[in-house]
Amino acid sequence: MNRMTKWTAVLILFYGFTGPLPAQEVTVLGSQEETLALLNSDNWWVEKKRGQQLDVPYKMIVAISERWRKNAPKLPVAVKKDLFFSSLLPLVLHANNMVQERRDRIQRADAKLVRGEKLSVEEIAQLKELAILLRIASQEQAAGMSGSAEFREVLKEALYRLDVIPAGLVLGQAAYESGYATSRFAVEGNALFGQWTYGGKGLIPEQQRKELGDHRIASFEWPFDSVRGYFLNLSSHPAYEDFRRIRAEFRASGKPLNSIALADGLTKYSERGQEYVDTLKGMIRANNLDIADNAVFRDEPMSFIIGVADQAAAAKMRKDIEEMRKSGEISKVIDRMRLE
């Protein structure tokens, strides 16, 4: 996939918008110094805002570069961590916004059924797709669904499975699983959460265990795609039923969701079991990641950040993006983004 096609694809992945395209700001960075200056310019992350609600810039990174893997070990540890968390948090908040929008649609559909109204053909199709996506039903079972009572059962289960995930927990797992985005899997496949895949796709671990079959690490075109895959994994895989149960109990009690409590539901995320959870909770506490649990976006348009190899590549990228604006190519892809 060439660079222009990949930039078009990132808009499909990121931008949840169905109307006319506003003028998107795209910042192209050609050096580590520019990256540091941009991500530190707002001075909003962690201890500086302890005790306050984080209001997060709507800046979305579109790649994890080899340059980051090379330079991150040279940075002071605190700087490396702050850059990682401040780069990833907008992706997490965007995913949570998408989840909430989908939950709102589910609740509206259920309200229609309660009033005795029928779902539209489009609503039924979306419900069946969601049932398959969240592993509520097989394709064959979904195809045979009919009737308000059956639809309501699926909607109820979908609301249980699909819910927001505290941002601090997501940041902690991403840091742990990807080595603050310096792992080979993060750089080569934008893989931030160590998700396994089978069927000959993905990145092969250097020490692949033959007794576990041809398992690989799932790779993604973009960092947000990895975040999205993680959300869907925790929403649907049977291994994370404890996570979903704890989250639902918090919801039912009216308590706010928090990273430390929900981490207890992830003993099956790793073969290390409870030891993994204890390490994860320690990472959340040590980095004060729970401050991100109730973070919100600032009231500003979404913008994108692209890091390239050097200043020459940055100049070419800026020119390419401007040409895409003028040709209208960007505006043609905006309405195709979905959580799926």
C-alpha atoms as a PDB file:
ATOM      1  CA  MET A   1       0.000   0.000   0.000  1.00  0.00           C
ATOM      2  CA  ASN A   2       1.556   3.308  -1.019  1.00  0.00           C
ATOM      3  CA  ARG A   3       1.752   6.319   1.275  1.00  0.00           C
ATOM      4  CA  MET A   4      -1.148   8.195  -0.330  1.00  0.00           C
ATOM      5  CA  THR A   5      -3.440   5.173  -0.150  1.00  0.00           C
ATOM      6  CA  LYS A   6      -2.439   4.561   3.452  1.00  0.00           C
ATOM      7  CA  TRP A   7      -3.194   8.160   4.401  1.00  0.00           C
ATOM      8  CA  THR A   8      -6.632   7.784   2.814  1.00  0.00           C
ATOM      9  CA  ALA A   9      -7.127   4.602   4.843  1.00  0.00           C
ATOM     10  CA  VAL A  10      -6.279   6.289   8.119  1.00  0.00           C
ATOM     11  CA  LEU A  11      -9.169   8.689   7.689  1.00  0.00           C
ATOM     12  CA  ILE A  12     -11.493   5.723   7.298  1.00  0.00           C
ATOM     13  CA  LEU A  13     -10.147   4.292  10.531  1.00  0.00           C
ATOM     14  CA  PHE A  14     -10.192   7.448  12.596  1.00  0.00           C
ATOM     15  CA  TYR A  15     -12.852   9.904  11.602  1.00  0.00           C
ATOM     16  CA  GLY A  16     -16.359   9.131  12.874  1.00  0.00           C
ATOM     17  CA  PHE A  17     -18.248  11.668  10.788  1.00  0.00           C
ATOM     18  CA  THR A  18     -21.033  11.364   8.240  1.00  0.00           C
ATOM     19  CA  GLY A  19     -21.451  14.987   7.113  1.00  0.00           C
ATOM     20  CA  PRO A  20     -19.337  17.337   5.014  1.00  0.00           C
ATOM     21  CA  LEU A  21     -15.632  17.214   5.797  1.00  0.00           C
ATOM     22  CA  PRO A  22     -14.255  20.206   7.681  1.00  0.00           C
ATOM     23  CA  ALA A  23     -10.747  21.386   6.933  1.00  0.00           C
ATOM     24  CA  GLN A  24      -8.697  18.816   8.864  1.00  0.00           C
ATOM     25  CA  GLU A  25      -5.438  19.939  10.382  1.00  0.00           C
ATOM     26  CA  VAL A  26      -2.622  17.534   9.580  1.00  0.00           C
ATOM     27  CA  THR A  27       0.705  18.059  11.330  1.00  0.00           C
ATOM     28  CA  VAL A  28       3.703  16.386   9.700  1.00  0.00           C
ATOM     29  CA  LEU A  29       6.748  15.971  11.937  1.00  0.00           C
ATOM     30  CA  GLY A  30      10.192  15.416  10.483  1.00  0.00           C
ATOM     31  CA  SER A  31      12.294  15.148  13.627  1.00  0.00           C
ATOM     32  CA  GLN A  32      12.226  14.004  17.236  1.00  0.00           C
ATOM     33  CA  GLU A  33      12.614  17.598  18.369  1.00  0.00           C
ATOM     34  CA  GLU A  34       9.420  18.599  16.558  1.00  0.00           C
ATOM     35  CA  THR A  35       7.576  15.676  18.094  1.00  0.00           C
ATOM     36  CA  LEU A  36       8.704  16.554  21.603  1.00  0.00           C
ATOM     37  CA  ALA A  37       7.780  20.199  21.123  1.00  0.00           C
ATOM     38  CA  LEU A  38       4.290  19.393  19.845  1.00  0.00           C
ATOM     39  CA  LEU A  39       3.362  16.790  22.420  1.00  0.00           C
ATOM     40  CA  ASN A  40       4.676  18.912  25.280  1.00  0.00           C
ATOM     41  CA  SER A  41       3.190  22.173  24.050  1.00  0.00           C
ATOM     42  CA  ASP A  42      -0.143  21.748  25.834  1.00  0.00           C
ATOM     43  CA  ASN A  43       1.434  20.687  29.141  1.00  0.00           C
ATOM     44  CA  TRP A  44      -1.601  18.647  30.139  1.00  0.00           C
ATOM     45  CA  TRP A  45      -0.460  15.157  31.120  1.00  0.00           C
ATOM     46  CA  VAL A  46      -0.442  13.390  34.520  1.00  0.00           C
ATOM     47  CA  GLU A  47       0.842  15.064  37.701  1.00  0.00           C
ATOM     48  CA  LYS A  48       0.457  18.578  36.384  1.00  0.00           C
ATOM     49  CA  LYS A  49      -3.300  17.949  36.440  1.00  0.00           C
ATOM     50  CA  ARG A  50      -3.571  15.635  39.465  1.00  0.00           C
ATOM     51  CA  GLY A  51      -6.951  16.096  41.105  1.00  0.00           C
ATOM     52  CA  GLN A  52      -8.418  17.724  38.002  1.00  0.00           C
ATOM     53  CA  GLN A  53     -10.229  16.288  35.019  1.00  0.00           C
ATOM     54  CA  LEU A  54      -7.918  15.819  32.070  1.00  0.00           C
ATOM     55  CA  ASP A  55      -9.039  17.692  28.977  1.00  0.00           C
ATOM     56  CA  VAL A  56      -7.204  16.033  26.143  1.00  0.00           C
ATOM     57  CA  PRO A  57      -6.120  17.572  22.815  1.00  0.00           C
ATOM     58  CA  TYR A  58      -7.876  15.855  19.922  1.00  0.00           C
ATOM     59  CA  LYS A  59      -4.570  14.910  18.248  1.00  0.00           C
ATOM     60  CA  MET A  60      -4.453  11.453  16.643  1.00  0.00           C
ATOM     61  CA  ILE A  61      -1.183   9.738  15.763  1.00  0.00           C
ATOM     62  CA  VAL A  62      -1.238   7.663  12.595  1.00  0.00           C
ATOM     63  CA  ALA A  63       1.870   5.487  12.922  1.00  0.00           C
ATOM     64  CA  ILE A  64       4.554   4.148  15.249  1.00  0.00           C
ATOM     65  CA  SER A  65       7.879   4.848  13.613  1.00  0.00           C
ATOM     66  CA  GLU A  66      11.169   3.016  13.670  1.00  0.00           C
ATOM     67  CA  ARG A  67      12.613   6.355  14.752  1.00  0.00           C
ATOM     68  CA  TRP A  68      10.649   6.110  18.028  1.00  0.00           C
ATOM     69  CA  ARG A  69      11.987   2.623  18.696  1.00  0.00           C
ATOM     70  CA  LYS A  70      15.542   3.852  18.109  1.00  0.00           C
ATOM     71  CA  ASN A  71      15.336   7.082  20.103  1.00  0.00           C
ATOM     72  CA  ALA A  72      12.983   6.205  22.989  1.00  0.00           C
ATOM     73  CA  PRO A  73      15.666   4.343  24.997  1.00  0.00           C
ATOM     74  CA  LYS A  74      17.833   7.471  24.876  1.00  0.00           C
ATOM     75  CA  LEU A  75      15.162   9.666  26.441  1.00  0.00           C
ATOM     76  CA  PRO A  76      14.763  10.126  30.189  1.00  0.00           C
ATOM     77  CA  VAL A  77      12.311   7.474  31.383  1.00  0.00           C
ATOM     78  CA  ALA A  78       9.756  10.051  32.528  1.00  0.00           C
ATOM     79  CA  VAL A  79       9.841  11.789  29.146  1.00  0.00           C
ATOM     80  CA  LYS A  80       9.460   8.514  27.262  1.00  0.00           C
ATOM     81  CA  LYS A  81       6.460   7.529  29.345  1.00  0.00           C
ATOM     82  CA  ASP A  82       4.774  10.913  29.080  1.00  0.00           C
ATOM     83  CA  LEU A  83       5.169  10.942  25.310  1.00  0.00           C
ATOM     84  CA  PHE A  84       3.775   7.434  25.024  1.00  0.00           C
ATOM     85  CA  PHE A  85       0.746   8.075  27.239  1.00  0.00           C
ATOM     86  CA  SER A  86      -0.049  11.478  25.764  1.00  0.00           C
ATOM     87  CA  SER A  87       0.178  10.051  22.233  1.00  0.00           C
ATOM     88  CA  LEU A  88      -2.027   7.048  22.944  1.00  0.00           C
ATOM     89  CA  LEU A  89      -4.712   8.576  25.170  1.00  0.00           C
ATOM     90  CA  PRO A  90      -6.557  10.390  22.343  1.00  0.00           C
ATOM     91  CA  LEU A  91      -6.898   7.078  20.496  1.00  0.00           C
ATOM     92  CA  VAL A  92      -8.397   5.485  23.611  1.00  0.00           C
ATOM     93  CA  LEU A  93     -10.839   8.328  24.176  1.00  0.00           C
ATOM     94  CA  HIS A  94     -11.883   8.179  20.529  1.00  0.00           C
ATOM     95  CA  ALA A  95     -12.573   4.450  20.860  1.00  0.00           C
ATOM     96  CA  ASN A  96     -14.626   5.047  24.010  1.00  0.00           C
ATOM     97  CA  ASN A  97     -16.603   7.745  22.201  1.00  0.00           C
ATOM     98  CA  MET A  98     -17.369   5.276  19.420  1.00  0.00           C
ATOM     99  CA  VAL A  99     -18.484   2.697  21.977  1.00  0.00           C
ATOM    100  CA  GLN A 100     -20.772   5.213  23.658  1.00  0.00           C
ATOM    101  CA  GLU A 101     -22.285   6.224  20.338  1.00  0.00           C
ATOM    102  CA  ARG A 102     -23.017   2.573  19.567  1.00  0.00           C
ATOM    103  CA  ARG A 103     -24.534   2.060  23.014  1.00  0.00           C
ATOM    104  CA  ASP A 104     -26.776   5.066  22.412  1.00  0.00           C
ATOM    105  CA  ARG A 105     -28.007   3.499  19.165  1.00  0.00           C
ATOM    106  CA  ILE A 106     -28.647   0.198  20.945  1.00  0.00           C
ATOM    107  CA  GLN A 107     -30.680   1.941  23.623  1.00  0.00           C
ATOM    108  CA  ARG A 108     -32.690   3.866  21.040  1.00  0.00           C
ATOM    109  CA  ALA A 109     -33.488   0.639  19.208  1.00  0.00           C
ATOM    110  CA  ASP A 110     -34.595  -1.018  22.449  1.00  0.00           C
ATOM    111  CA  ALA A 111     -36.795   1.967  23.295  1.00  0.00           C
ATOM    112  CA  LYS A 112     -38.528   1.584  19.940  1.00  0.00           C
ATOM    113  CA  LEU A 113     -39.309  -2.055  20.669  1.00  0.00           C
ATOM    114  CA  VAL A 114     -40.622  -1.168  24.138  1.00  0.00           C
ATOM    115  CA  ARG A 115     -43.002   1.332  22.505  1.00  0.00           C
ATOM    116  CA  GLY A 116     -44.252  -1.402  20.198  1.00  0.00           C
ATOM    117  CA  GLU A 117     -42.550   0.051  17.130  1.00  0.00           C
ATOM    118  CA  LYS A 118     -40.730  -2.015  14.546  1.00  0.00           C
ATOM    119  CA  LEU A 119     -37.041  -1.717  13.805  1.00  0.00           C
ATOM    120  CA  SER A 120     -36.101  -0.560  10.338  1.00  0.00           C
ATOM    121  CA  VAL A 121     -34.453  -2.909   7.873  1.00  0.00           C
ATOM    122  CA  GLU A 122     -31.185  -1.048   8.439  1.00  0.00           C
ATOM    123  CA  GLU A 123     -31.479  -1.310  12.227  1.00  0.00           C
ATOM    124  CA  ILE A 124     -32.136  -5.048  12.015  1.00  0.00           C
ATOM    125  CA  ALA A 125     -29.131  -5.548   9.739  1.00  0.00           C
ATOM    126  CA  GLN A 126     -26.908  -3.575  12.119  1.00  0.00           C
ATOM    127  CA  LEU A 127     -28.191  -5.560  15.084  1.00  0.00           C
ATOM    128  CA  LYS A 128     -27.399  -8.857  13.390  1.00  0.00           C
ATOM    129  CA  GLU A 129     -23.924  -7.651  12.468  1.00  0.00           C
ATOM    130  CA  LEU A 130     -23.336  -6.578  16.062  1.00  0.00           C
ATOM    131  CA  ALA A 131     -24.522  -9.943  17.379  1.00  0.00           C
ATOM    132  CA  ILE A 132     -21.910 -11.683  15.238  1.00  0.00           C
ATOM    133  CA  LEU A 133     -19.178  -9.166  16.058  1.00  0.00           C
ATOM    134  CA  LEU A 134     -19.693  -9.544  19.819  1.00  0.00           C
ATOM    135  CA  ARG A 135     -20.024 -13.339  19.583  1.00  0.00           C
ATOM    136  CA  ILE A 136     -23.598 -13.243  20.806  1.00  0.00           C
ATOM    137  CA  ALA A 137     -24.692 -15.368  17.867  1.00  0.00           C
ATOM    138  CA  SER A 138     -23.190 -17.244  14.942  1.00  0.00           C
ATOM    139  CA  GLN A 139     -23.816 -16.055  11.402  1.00  0.00           C
ATOM    140  CA  GLU A 140     -26.456 -18.738  10.966  1.00  0.00           C
ATOM    141  CA  GLN A 141     -28.184 -17.844  14.234  1.00  0.00           C
ATOM    142  CA  ALA A 142     -28.105 -14.138  13.410  1.00  0.00           C
ATOM    143  CA  ALA A 143     -29.618 -14.731   9.999  1.00  0.00           C
ATOM    144  CA  GLY A 144     -32.585 -16.500  11.618  1.00  0.00           C
ATOM    145  CA  MET A 145     -33.337 -13.803  14.186  1.00  0.00           C
ATOM    146  CA  SER A 146     -36.807 -12.321  14.064  1.00  0.00           C
ATOM    147  CA  GLY A 147     -39.361 -10.837  16.397  1.00  0.00           C
ATOM    148  CA  SER A 148     -39.191  -8.115  19.010  1.00  0.00           C
ATOM    149  CA  ALA A 149     -38.589 -10.451  21.947  1.00  0.00           C
ATOM    150  CA  GLU A 150     -35.522 -12.014  20.332  1.00  0.00           C
ATOM    151  CA  PHE A 151     -34.189  -8.644  19.238  1.00  0.00           C
ATOM    152  CA  ARG A 152     -34.546  -7.274  22.754  1.00  0.00           C
ATOM    153  CA  GLU A 153     -32.546 -10.166  24.182  1.00  0.00           C
ATOM    154  CA  VAL A 154     -29.738  -9.467  21.735  1.00  0.00           C
ATOM    155  CA  LEU A 155     -29.823  -5.743  22.520  1.00  0.00           C
ATOM    156  CA  LYS A 156     -29.646  -6.470  26.239  1.00  0.00           C
ATOM    157  CA  GLU A 157     -26.625  -8.734  25.786  1.00  0.00           C
ATOM    158  CA  ALA A 158     -24.968  -6.222  23.462  1.00  0.00           C
ATOM    159  CA  LEU A 159     -25.265  -3.494  26.105  1.00  0.00           C
ATOM    160  CA  TYR A 160     -23.682  -5.851  28.628  1.00  0.00           C
ATOM    161  CA  ARG A 161     -20.747  -6.745  26.407  1.00  0.00           C
ATOM    162  CA  LEU A 162     -20.084  -3.435  24.691  1.00  0.00           C
ATOM    163  CA  ASP A 163     -19.172  -0.704  27.134  1.00  0.00           C
ATOM    164  CA  VAL A 164     -16.398   1.810  27.694  1.00  0.00           C
ATOM    165  CA  ILE A 165     -13.056   0.744  29.149  1.00  0.00           C
ATOM    166  CA  PRO A 166     -11.291   3.032  31.660  1.00  0.00           C
ATOM    167  CA  ALA A 167      -8.496   4.769  29.794  1.00  0.00           C
ATOM    168  CA  GLY A 168      -5.916   4.158  32.519  1.00  0.00           C
ATOM    169  CA  LEU A 169      -6.336   0.410  32.131  1.00  0.00           C
ATOM    170  CA  VAL A 170      -5.897   0.615  28.358  1.00  0.00           C
ATOM    171  CA  LEU A 171      -2.778   2.764  28.712  1.00  0.00           C
ATOM    172  CA  GLY A 172      -1.318   0.377  31.279  1.00  0.00           C
ATOM    173  CA  GLN A 173      -1.827  -2.692  29.140  1.00  0.00           C
ATOM    174  CA  ALA A 174      -0.506  -0.991  26.027  1.00  0.00           C
ATOM    175  CA  ALA A 175       2.642   0.121  27.859  1.00  0.00           C
ATOM    176  CA  TYR A 176       3.147  -3.325  29.358  1.00  0.00           C
ATOM    177  CA  GLU A 177       2.465  -5.336  26.215  1.00  0.00           C
ATOM    178  CA  SER A 178       4.385  -3.119  23.785  1.00  0.00           C
ATOM    179  CA  GLY A 179       7.252  -1.841  25.921  1.00  0.00           C
ATOM    180  CA  TYR A 180       5.962   1.706  25.484  1.00  0.00           C
ATOM    181  CA  ALA A 181       5.609   1.064  21.736  1.00  0.00           C
ATOM    182  CA  THR A 182       9.259   0.064  21.317  1.00  0.00           C
ATOM    183  CA  SER A 183       8.674  -3.646  20.683  1.00  0.00           C
ATOM    184  CA  ARG A 184       9.195  -5.153  17.239  1.00  0.00           C
ATOM    185  CA  PHE A 185       5.486  -5.942  17.081  1.00  0.00           C
ATOM    186  CA  ALA A 186       4.562  -2.309  17.807  1.00  0.00           C
ATOM    187  CA  VAL A 187       6.880  -0.868  15.174  1.00  0.00           C
ATOM    188  CA  GLU A 188       6.342  -3.475  12.449  1.00  0.00           C
ATOM    189  CA  GLY A 189       2.642  -4.082  13.027  1.00  0.00           C
ATOM    190  CA  ASN A 190       1.267  -1.241  15.194  1.00  0.00           C
ATOM    191  CA  ALA A 191       0.493  -4.015  17.702  1.00  0.00           C
ATOM    192  CA  LEU A 192       0.098  -2.480  21.152  1.00  0.00           C
ATOM    193  CA  PHE A 193      -1.692  -5.213  23.101  1.00  0.00           C
ATOM    194  CA  GLY A 194      -0.005  -8.496  22.183  1.00  0.00           C
ATOM    195  CA  GLN A 195      -3.161 -10.029  20.748  1.00  0.00           C
ATOM    196  CA  TRP A 196      -2.702 -13.483  19.285  1.00  0.00           C
ATOM    197  CA  THR A 197      -4.011 -14.608  15.934  1.00  0.00           C
ATOM    198  CA  TYR A 198      -3.975 -17.841  13.952  1.00  0.00           C
ATOM    199  CA  GLY A 199      -4.411 -18.800  10.309  1.00  0.00           C
ATOM    200  CA  GLY A 200      -1.018 -17.725   9.002  1.00  0.00           C
ATOM    201  CA  LYS A 201      -1.515 -13.978   9.474  1.00  0.00           C
ATOM    202  CA  GLY A 202       0.333 -11.637  11.784  1.00  0.00           C
ATOM    203  CA  LEU A 203       3.908 -11.363  13.055  1.00  0.00           C
ATOM    204  CA  ILE A 204       5.778 -14.498  14.082  1.00  0.00           C
ATOM    205  CA  PRO A 205       7.294 -14.390  17.592  1.00  0.00           C
ATOM    206  CA  GLU A 206      11.029 -15.086  17.681  1.00  0.00           C
ATOM    207  CA  GLN A 207      10.411 -17.946  20.102  1.00  0.00           C
ATOM    208  CA  GLN A 208       7.152 -19.369  18.777  1.00  0.00           C
ATOM    209  CA  ARG A 209       5.991 -22.323  20.887  1.00  0.00           C
ATOM    210  CA  LYS A 210       5.153 -25.187  18.568  1.00  0.00           C
ATOM    211  CA  GLU A 211       2.835 -26.843  21.082  1.00  0.00           C
ATOM    212  CA  LEU A 212       0.528 -23.814  20.791  1.00  0.00           C
ATOM    213  CA  GLY A 213       0.227 -24.075  17.023  1.00  0.00           C
ATOM    214  CA  ASP A 214       0.978 -21.371  14.476  1.00  0.00           C
ATOM    215  CA  HIS A 215       0.140 -18.512  16.825  1.00  0.00           C
ATOM    216  CA  ARG A 216       1.212 -15.055  15.806  1.00  0.00           C
ATOM    217  CA  ILE A 217       0.848 -11.484  17.047  1.00  0.00           C
ATOM    218  CA  ALA A 218      -1.954  -9.691  15.232  1.00  0.00           C
ATOM    219  CA  SER A 219      -0.687  -6.761  13.164  1.00  0.00           C
ATOM    220  CA  PHE A 220      -2.586  -3.639  12.156  1.00  0.00           C
ATOM    221  CA  GLU A 221      -2.320  -0.892   9.562  1.00  0.00           C
ATOM    222  CA  TRP A 222      -2.644   1.854  12.165  1.00  0.00           C
ATOM    223  CA  PRO A 223      -2.276   2.270  15.941  1.00  0.00           C
ATOM    224  CA  PHE A 224      -5.979   3.051  16.305  1.00  0.00           C
ATOM    225  CA  ASP A 225      -6.825  -0.232  14.591  1.00  0.00           C
ATOM    226  CA  SER A 226      -4.911  -1.982  17.374  1.00  0.00           C
ATOM    227  CA  VAL A 227      -6.882  -0.047  20.001  1.00  0.00           C
ATOM    228  CA  ARG A 228     -10.114  -0.939  18.244  1.00  0.00           C
ATOM    229  CA  GLY A 229      -9.138  -4.623  18.108  1.00  0.00           C
ATOM    230  CA  TYR A 230      -8.376  -4.569  21.836  1.00  0.00           C
ATOM    231  CA  PHE A 231     -11.794  -3.062  22.628  1.00  0.00           C
ATOM    232  CA  LEU A 232     -13.583  -5.683  20.566  1.00  0.00           C
ATOM    233  CA  ASN A 233     -11.486  -8.452  22.103  1.00  0.00           C
ATOM    234  CA  LEU A 234     -12.411  -7.479  25.667  1.00  0.00           C
ATOM    235  CA  SER A 235     -16.037  -7.029  24.597  1.00  0.00           C
ATOM    236  CA  SER A 236     -16.458 -10.438  23.023  1.00  0.00           C
ATOM    237  CA  HIS A 237     -13.893 -13.098  23.929  1.00  0.00           C
ATOM    238  CA  PRO A 238     -15.097 -15.706  26.464  1.00  0.00           C
ATOM    239  CA  ALA A 239     -11.807 -15.383  28.365  1.00  0.00           C
ATOM    240  CA  TYR A 240     -12.791 -11.884  29.517  1.00  0.00           C
ATOM    241  CA  GLU A 241     -16.210 -12.647  30.944  1.00  0.00           C
ATOM    242  CA  ASP A 242     -14.907 -11.769  34.439  1.00  0.00           C
ATOM    243  CA  PHE A 243     -13.861  -8.357  33.143  1.00  0.00           C
ATOM    244  CA  ARG A 244     -17.311  -7.728  31.668  1.00  0.00           C
ATOM    245  CA  ARG A 245     -19.018  -8.974  34.830  1.00  0.00           C
ATOM    246  CA  ILE A 246     -17.022  -6.644  37.097  1.00  0.00           C
ATOM    247  CA  ARG A 247     -17.707  -3.726  34.786  1.00  0.00           C
ATOM    248  CA  ALA A 248     -21.443  -4.485  34.749  1.00  0.00           C
ATOM    249  CA  GLU A 249     -21.504  -4.701  38.547  1.00  0.00           C
ATOM    250  CA  PHE A 250     -19.970  -1.235  38.754  1.00  0.00           C
ATOM    251  CA  ARG A 251     -22.540   0.041  36.285  1.00  0.00           C
ATOM    252  CA  ALA A 252     -25.419  -1.477  38.238  1.00  0.00           C
ATOM    253  CA  SER A 253     -24.190   0.031  41.509  1.00  0.00           C
ATOM    254  CA  GLY A 254     -23.777   3.474  40.000  1.00  0.00           C
ATOM    255  CA  LYS A 255     -20.066   3.537  40.809  1.00  0.00           C
ATOM    256  CA  PRO A 256     -17.665   5.075  38.279  1.00  0.00           C
ATOM    257  CA  LEU A 257     -15.533   2.588  36.372  1.00  0.00           C
ATOM    258  CA  ASN A 258     -11.905   2.530  37.464  1.00  0.00           C
ATOM    259  CA  SER A 259      -8.801   0.929  36.058  1.00  0.00           C
ATOM    260  CA  ILE A 260      -7.564  -0.850  39.166  1.00  0.00           C
ATOM    261  CA  ALA A 261     -10.852  -2.626  39.863  1.00  0.00           C
ATOM    262  CA  LEU A 262     -11.402  -3.749  36.288  1.00  0.00           C
ATOM    263  CA  ALA A 263      -7.852  -5.071  35.994  1.00  0.00           C
ATOM    264  CA  ASP A 264      -8.951  -7.887  38.316  1.00  0.00           C
ATOM    265  CA  GLY A 265     -11.000  -9.278  35.431  1.00  0.00           C
ATOM    266  CA  LEU A 266      -7.965  -9.875  33.223  1.00  0.00           C
ATOM    267  CA  THR A 267      -6.330 -12.905  34.847  1.00  0.00           C
ATOM    268  CA  LYS A 268      -6.764 -14.801  31.556  1.00  0.00           C
ATOM    269  CA  TYR A 269      -5.101 -12.138  29.437  1.00  0.00           C
ATOM    270  CA  SER A 270      -1.755 -13.769  30.131  1.00  0.00           C
ATOM    271  CA  GLU A 271      -0.510 -17.194  31.115  1.00  0.00           C
ATOM    272  CA  ARG A 272       0.925 -15.451  34.196  1.00  0.00           C
ATOM    273  CA  GLY A 273      -2.610 -15.092  35.550  1.00  0.00           C
ATOM    274  CA  GLN A 274      -2.846 -13.199  38.831  1.00  0.00           C
ATOM    275  CA  GLU A 275       0.845 -12.274  38.661  1.00  0.00           C
ATOM    276  CA  TYR A 276       0.109 -10.469  35.368  1.00  0.00           C
ATOM    277  CA  VAL A 277      -2.793  -8.597  36.946  1.00  0.00           C
ATOM    278  CA  ASP A 278      -0.699  -7.603  39.958  1.00  0.00           C
ATOM    279  CA  THR A 279       2.063  -6.280  37.680  1.00  0.00           C
ATOM    280  CA  LEU A 280      -0.475  -4.392  35.572  1.00  0.00           C
ATOM    281  CA  LYS A 281      -2.073  -2.799  38.627  1.00  0.00           C
ATOM    282  CA  GLY A 282       1.368  -1.829  39.887  1.00  0.00           C
ATOM    283  CA  MET A 283       2.096  -0.138  36.557  1.00  0.00           C
ATOM    284  CA  ILE A 284      -1.199   1.764  36.697  1.00  0.00           C
ATOM    285  CA  ARG A 285      -0.466   2.961  40.242  1.00  0.00           C
ATOM    286  CA  ALA A 286       3.191   3.799  39.616  1.00  0.00           C
ATOM    287  CA  ASN A 287       2.328   5.934  36.595  1.00  0.00           C
ATOM    288  CA  ASN A 288      -0.846   7.418  38.098  1.00  0.00           C
ATOM    289  CA  LEU A 289      -2.767   6.242  35.034  1.00  0.00           C
ATOM    290  CA  ASP A 290      -6.106   6.328  36.819  1.00  0.00           C
ATOM    291  CA  ILE A 291      -6.048  10.098  36.241  1.00  0.00           C
ATOM    292  CA  ALA A 292      -7.053   9.264  32.654  1.00  0.00           C
ATOM    293  CA  ASP A 293     -10.143   7.238  33.630  1.00  0.00           C
ATOM    294  CA  ASN A 294     -12.466  10.241  33.363  1.00  0.00           C
ATOM    295  CA  ALA A 295     -10.549  12.216  30.750  1.00  0.00           C
ATOM    296  CA  VAL A 296     -12.473  14.048  28.033  1.00  0.00           C
ATOM    297  CA  PHE A 297     -11.586  15.670  24.732  1.00  0.00           C
ATOM    298  CA  ARG A 298     -11.250  19.393  24.494  1.00  0.00           C
ATOM    299  CA  ASP A 299     -13.877  21.166  22.428  1.00  0.00           C
ATOM    300  CA  GLU A 300     -11.764  21.291  19.307  1.00  0.00           C
ATOM    301  CA  PRO A 301     -11.676  19.606  15.892  1.00  0.00           C
ATOM    302  CA  MET A 302      -9.841  16.352  15.453  1.00  0.00           C
ATOM    303  CA  SER A 303      -6.394  16.686  13.926  1.00  0.00           C
ATOM    304  CA  PHE A 304      -3.820  14.168  12.796  1.00  0.00           C
ATOM    305  CA  ILE A 305      -0.115  13.756  13.507  1.00  0.00           C
ATOM    306  CA  ILE A 306       2.160  12.032  11.017  1.00  0.00           C
ATOM    307  CA  GLY A 307       5.807  11.355  11.797  1.00  0.00           C
ATOM    308  CA  VAL A 308       8.185  10.772   8.883  1.00  0.00           C
ATOM    309  CA  ALA A 309      11.888  10.022   8.579  1.00  0.00           C
ATOM    310  CA  ASP A 310      13.306  13.500   8.021  1.00  0.00           C
ATOM    311  CA  GLN A 311      12.578  17.046   6.923  1.00  0.00           C
ATOM    312  CA  ALA A 312      12.698  16.202   3.220  1.00  0.00           C
ATOM    313  CA  ALA A 313      10.080  13.492   3.674  1.00  0.00           C
ATOM    314  CA  ALA A 314       8.017  15.880   5.794  1.00  0.00           C
ATOM    315  CA  ALA A 315       8.003  18.492   3.018  1.00  0.00           C
ATOM    316  CA  LYS A 316       6.853  15.923   0.447  1.00  0.00           C
ATOM    317  CA  MET A 317       4.133  14.609   2.760  1.00  0.00           C
ATOM    318  CA  ARG A 318       2.779  18.113   3.379  1.00  0.00           C
ATOM    319  CA  LYS A 319       2.598  18.685  -0.372  1.00  0.00           C
ATOM    320  CA  ASP A 320       0.825  15.358  -0.947  1.00  0.00           C
ATOM    321  CA  ILE A 321      -1.775  16.094   1.715  1.00  0.00           C
ATOM    322  CA  GLU A 322      -2.518  19.519   0.272  1.00  0.00           C
ATOM    323  CA  GLU A 323      -3.052  17.958  -3.158  1.00  0.00           C
ATOM    324  CA  MET A 324      -5.490  15.460  -1.627  1.00  0.00           C
ATOM    325  CA  ARG A 325      -7.444  18.313  -0.076  1.00  0.00           C
ATOM    326  CA  LYS A 326      -7.745  20.150  -3.374  1.00  0.00           C
ATOM    327  CA  SER A 327      -8.740  17.045  -5.322  1.00  0.00           C
ATOM    328  CA  GLY A 328     -11.441  16.120  -2.808  1.00  0.00           C
ATOM    329  CA  GLU A 329      -9.967  12.645  -2.284  1.00  0.00           C
ATOM    330  CA  ILE A 330     -10.068  12.938   1.496  1.00  0.00           C
ATOM    331  CA  SER A 331     -13.747  13.878   1.614  1.00  0.00           C
ATOM    332  CA  LYS A 332     -14.762  10.705  -0.233  1.00  0.00           C
ATOM    333  CA  VAL A 333     -13.714   8.341   2.555  1.00  0.00           C
ATOM    334  CA  ILE A 334     -15.082  10.012   5.684  1.00  0.00           C
ATOM    335  CA  ASP A 335     -18.475   8.307   5.985  1.00  0.00           C
ATOM    336  CA  ARG A 336     -17.165   4.740   6.142  1.00  0.00           C
ATOM    337  CA  MET A 337     -15.817   4.572   9.670  1.00  0.00           C
ATOM    338  CA  ARG A 338     -17.404   2.129  12.109  1.00  0.00           C
ATOM    339  CA  LEU A 339     -16.368   0.493  15.338  1.00  0.00           C
ATOM    340  CA  GLU A 340     -16.215  -2.835  13.511  1.00  0.00           C
END
